[in-house]
Amino acid sequence: MSNKLNSAILDKAAEDVLAFSSGETINKNGADLQGKKRNFVETVEIQITLKNYDPQRDKRFSGTFKLPSIPRPNLKPCMLGNAAHCEQADRIGVAHMSVDDLKKLNKNKK
């Protein structure tokens, strides 16, 4: 079997997963399967490895990729830091916790 993925097969698989999760009917191995609409956001994790590529040695691939949609729209960050960091968090409107707040959390773990 070949190690290379055919892009058409990969596109078809991704479309089938999305269609199935939205409640549509898909055809798998000659059988029709009815999807089920879920009331939560489904996520798919993918990990890709490159053959004969050492990320510690080779720096050919560097940069960022912006996703077309926000993966976690309801995520609220909290800045942890000292007094200077807490002041910065107040200025930009981000929730924050100081070192003393973290110590209080550690004591209340009953």
Protein backbone atom coordinates (compact mmCIF):
# COMPACT_ATOMS: atom_id res chain seq x y z
CA MET A 1 0.00 0.00 0.00
CA SER A 2 1.24 3.45 -0.81
CA ASN A 3 2.23 5.87 1.96
CA LYS A 4 0.92 8.83 -0.01
CA LEU A 5 -2.61 10.12 0.46
CA ASN A 6 -4.76 10.92 -2.50
CA SER A 7 -6.16 14.43 -2.02
CA ALA A 8 -9.50 13.48 -3.58
CA ILE A 9 -9.98 10.66 -1.06
CA LEU A 10 -9.04 12.96 1.81
CA ASP A 11 -11.46 15.66 0.59
CA LYS A 12 -14.27 13.09 0.26
CA ALA A 13 -13.61 11.77 3.80
CA ALA A 14 -13.68 15.29 5.28
CA GLU A 15 -16.92 16.10 3.45
CA ASP A 16 -18.48 12.83 4.67
CA VAL A 17 -17.55 13.55 8.29
CA LEU A 18 -19.06 17.04 8.10
CA ALA A 19 -22.21 15.79 6.36
CA PHE A 20 -22.68 12.94 8.86
CA SER A 21 -22.27 15.28 11.84
CA SER A 22 -24.87 17.69 10.42
CA GLY A 23 -27.47 14.91 10.09
CA GLU A 24 -27.22 14.11 6.38
CA THR A 25 -27.14 10.62 4.86
CA ILE A 26 -23.77 9.35 3.61
CA ASN A 27 -22.76 6.22 1.71
CA LYS A 28 -20.07 4.10 3.40
CA ASN A 29 -19.00 0.72 1.99
CA GLY A 30 -22.17 0.53 -0.11
CA ALA A 31 -24.52 1.16 2.82
CA ASP A 32 -26.41 4.37 3.51
CA LEU A 33 -25.85 5.76 6.99
CA GLN A 34 -28.08 8.44 8.49
CA GLY A 35 -26.17 11.03 10.49
CA LYS A 36 -27.29 12.46 13.78
CA LYS A 37 -27.37 16.19 14.50
CA ARG A 38 -25.38 16.90 17.65
CA ASN A 39 -26.09 19.78 20.03
CA PHE A 40 -22.43 20.56 20.65
CA VAL A 41 -19.43 21.63 18.62
CA GLU A 42 -17.57 18.60 17.30
CA THR A 43 -13.84 18.86 16.80
CA VAL A 44 -11.41 16.82 14.80
CA GLU A 45 -7.73 16.62 15.69
CA ILE A 46 -5.25 15.82 12.97
CA GLN A 47 -1.54 15.14 13.23
CA ILE A 48 0.68 15.03 10.18
CA THR A 49 4.22 13.71 10.13
CA LEU A 50 6.67 14.37 7.34
CA LYS A 51 8.90 11.54 6.23
CA ASN A 52 12.67 12.19 6.46
CA TYR A 53 12.13 15.54 8.20
CA ASP A 54 13.69 16.41 11.54
CA PRO A 55 12.09 19.57 13.00
CA GLN A 56 15.02 20.09 15.37
CA ARG A 57 17.54 20.17 12.53
CA ASP A 58 15.59 21.52 9.57
CA LYS A 59 13.85 24.86 9.83
CA ARG A 60 12.28 24.82 6.36
CA PHE A 61 8.71 25.02 7.65
CA SER A 62 8.20 27.88 10.02
CA GLY A 63 5.32 30.27 10.34
CA THR A 64 1.70 30.36 11.33
CA PHE A 65 -1.53 29.34 9.70
CA LYS A 66 -4.76 31.19 10.43
CA LEU A 67 -7.81 28.96 10.64
CA PRO A 68 -10.87 30.03 8.64
CA SER A 69 -13.10 29.80 11.72
CA ILE A 70 -12.50 30.32 15.41
CA PRO A 71 -11.97 26.91 17.09
CA ARG A 72 -13.17 28.02 20.52
CA PRO A 73 -15.39 31.11 20.30
CA ASN A 74 -16.35 31.01 24.00
CA LEU A 75 -12.79 30.69 25.34
CA LYS A 76 -11.95 33.34 27.91
CA PRO A 77 -8.24 33.75 28.74
CA CYS A 78 -6.96 34.60 32.20
CA MET A 79 -3.57 36.25 32.67
CA LEU A 80 -1.42 34.94 35.53
CA GLY A 81 1.30 37.21 36.83
CA ASN A 82 2.60 39.72 39.29
CA ALA A 83 1.26 43.22 39.98
CA ALA A 84 2.68 44.69 36.75
CA HIS A 85 1.04 41.96 34.66
CA CYS A 86 -2.27 42.46 36.47
CA GLU A 87 -2.18 46.19 35.68
CA GLN A 88 -1.59 45.42 32.00
CA ALA A 89 -4.49 42.97 32.04
CA ASP A 90 -6.76 45.64 33.56
CA ARG A 91 -5.78 48.09 30.80
CA ILE A 92 -6.62 45.68 27.98
CA GLY A 93 -9.69 44.23 29.71
CA VAL A 94 -8.51 40.65 30.30
CA ALA A 95 -9.31 38.63 33.43
CA HIS A 96 -6.27 38.19 35.67
CA MET A 97 -5.04 36.44 38.81
CA SER A 98 -2.09 37.44 40.94
CA VAL A 99 0.30 35.16 42.78
CA ASP A 100 -1.68 35.68 46.01
CA ASP A 101 -4.92 34.64 44.25
CA LEU A 102 -3.23 31.46 43.06
CA LYS A 103 -2.05 30.67 46.59
CA LYS A 104 -5.62 31.08 47.86
CA LEU A 105 -6.85 28.65 45.20
CA ASN A 106 -4.22 26.13 46.25
CA LYS A 107 -5.34 26.30 49.91
CA ASN A 108 -9.04 25.80 49.03
CA LYS A 109 -8.76 22.44 47.27
CA LYS A 110 -10.92 20.53 49.80
